[in-house]
N, C-alpha and C. Protein backbone atom coordinates (compact mmCIF):
# COMPACT_ATOMS: atom_id res chain seq x y z
N UNK A 1 0.85 -1.17 0.00
CA UNK A 1 0.00 0.00 0.00
C UNK A 1 0.89 1.24 0.00
N UNK A 2 0.89 1.97 -1.07
CA UNK A 2 1.74 3.15 -1.19
C UNK A 2 1.07 4.40 -0.66
N UNK A 3 1.87 5.42 -0.55
CA UNK A 3 1.33 6.70 -0.09
C UNK A 3 0.53 7.35 -1.20
N UNK A 4 -0.47 8.11 -0.80
CA UNK A 4 -1.26 8.87 -1.74
C UNK A 4 -0.46 10.12 -2.11
N UNK A 5 -0.48 10.53 -3.37
CA UNK A 5 0.26 11.75 -3.73
C UNK A 5 -0.33 12.97 -3.02
N UNK A 6 0.50 13.93 -2.79
CA UNK A 6 0.09 15.15 -2.08
C UNK A 6 -0.95 15.90 -2.91
N UNK A 7 -2.03 16.34 -2.25
CA UNK A 7 -3.11 17.03 -2.95
C UNK A 7 -3.14 18.51 -2.56
N UNK A 8 -3.52 19.33 -3.50
CA UNK A 8 -3.71 20.76 -3.25
C UNK A 8 -5.19 21.07 -3.40
N UNK A 9 -5.77 21.67 -2.37
CA UNK A 9 -7.19 22.01 -2.39
C UNK A 9 -7.36 23.47 -2.76
N UNK A 10 -8.25 23.73 -3.69
CA UNK A 10 -8.50 25.09 -4.17
C UNK A 10 -9.35 25.88 -3.20
N UNK A 11 -9.43 27.18 -3.44
CA UNK A 11 -10.21 28.06 -2.56
C UNK A 11 -11.69 27.69 -2.49
N UNK A 12 -12.27 27.24 -3.57
CA UNK A 12 -13.70 26.89 -3.57
C UNK A 12 -13.95 25.69 -2.67
N UNK A 13 -13.08 24.69 -2.73
CA UNK A 13 -13.23 23.50 -1.89
C UNK A 13 -13.07 23.88 -0.42
N UNK A 14 -12.08 24.71 -0.12
CA UNK A 14 -11.84 25.13 1.26
C UNK A 14 -13.03 25.91 1.81
N UNK A 15 -13.63 26.76 0.99
CA UNK A 15 -14.78 27.54 1.41
C UNK A 15 -15.97 26.63 1.70
N UNK A 16 -16.16 25.62 0.86
CA UNK A 16 -17.27 24.70 1.04
C UNK A 16 -17.11 23.92 2.35
N UNK A 17 -15.90 23.45 2.63
CA UNK A 17 -15.64 22.72 3.87
C UNK A 17 -15.83 23.65 5.07
N UNK A 18 -15.36 24.89 4.96
CA UNK A 18 -15.48 25.84 6.07
C UNK A 18 -16.94 26.15 6.38
N UNK A 19 -17.77 26.30 5.36
CA UNK A 19 -19.18 26.58 5.59
C UNK A 19 -19.88 25.43 6.31
N UNK A 20 -19.56 24.21 5.90
CA UNK A 20 -20.15 23.04 6.56
C UNK A 20 -19.66 22.96 8.00
N UNK A 21 -18.39 23.27 8.23
CA UNK A 21 -17.83 23.21 9.59
C UNK A 21 -18.46 24.27 10.49
N UNK A 22 -18.72 25.44 9.95
CA UNK A 22 -19.29 26.52 10.76
C UNK A 22 -20.74 26.24 11.15
N UNK A 23 -21.44 25.48 10.34
CA UNK A 23 -22.83 25.13 10.68
C UNK A 23 -22.88 24.28 11.95
N UNK A 24 -21.88 23.40 12.11
CA UNK A 24 -21.81 22.58 13.32
C UNK A 24 -22.80 21.45 13.37
N UNK A 25 -23.42 21.11 12.25
CA UNK A 25 -24.42 20.04 12.25
C UNK A 25 -23.79 18.65 12.26
N UNK A 26 -22.53 18.54 11.82
CA UNK A 26 -21.85 17.25 11.74
C UNK A 26 -20.61 17.26 12.62
N UNK A 27 -20.16 16.07 12.99
CA UNK A 27 -18.91 15.98 13.74
C UNK A 27 -17.74 16.18 12.79
N UNK A 28 -16.58 16.48 13.35
CA UNK A 28 -15.38 16.67 12.54
C UNK A 28 -15.05 15.38 11.79
N UNK A 29 -15.23 14.25 12.46
CA UNK A 29 -14.94 12.97 11.81
C UNK A 29 -15.87 12.73 10.62
N UNK A 30 -17.13 13.07 10.75
CA UNK A 30 -18.08 12.88 9.66
C UNK A 30 -17.75 13.78 8.48
N UNK A 31 -17.37 15.03 8.78
CA UNK A 31 -17.00 15.96 7.71
C UNK A 31 -15.72 15.49 7.01
N UNK A 32 -14.78 15.00 7.78
CA UNK A 32 -13.52 14.53 7.20
C UNK A 32 -13.77 13.37 6.25
N UNK A 33 -14.65 12.48 6.64
CA UNK A 33 -14.98 11.35 5.78
C UNK A 33 -15.73 11.81 4.53
N UNK A 34 -16.62 12.75 4.69
CA UNK A 34 -17.40 13.25 3.56
C UNK A 34 -16.50 13.90 2.52
N UNK A 35 -15.55 14.71 2.97
CA UNK A 35 -14.69 15.45 2.05
C UNK A 35 -13.37 14.76 1.76
N UNK A 36 -13.15 13.58 2.33
CA UNK A 36 -11.95 12.79 2.10
C UNK A 36 -10.67 13.56 2.47
N UNK A 37 -10.68 14.15 3.66
CA UNK A 37 -9.51 14.84 4.19
C UNK A 37 -9.28 14.36 5.62
N UNK A 38 -8.12 14.68 6.17
CA UNK A 38 -7.80 14.32 7.55
C UNK A 38 -8.56 15.26 8.50
N UNK A 39 -9.05 14.77 9.62
CA UNK A 39 -9.78 15.62 10.55
C UNK A 39 -9.01 16.87 11.00
N UNK A 40 -7.70 16.76 11.12
CA UNK A 40 -6.91 17.93 11.54
C UNK A 40 -6.98 19.04 10.49
N UNK A 41 -7.23 18.72 9.26
CA UNK A 41 -7.31 19.75 8.23
C UNK A 41 -8.60 20.56 8.35
N UNK A 42 -9.59 20.01 9.00
CA UNK A 42 -10.85 20.72 9.18
C UNK A 42 -10.74 21.68 10.36
N UNK A 43 -10.09 21.22 11.42
CA UNK A 43 -9.93 22.08 12.59
C UNK A 43 -8.83 23.05 12.31
């Protein structure tokens, strides 16, 4: 199992994740799974 190549997220993706995070309707773990990112990237 190799490492996944490093990804760069654009401003639109970051804004979408931030809006969902600010609503507070989901846990950080659920948002991380939905957007396929590490939970630390959301916080």
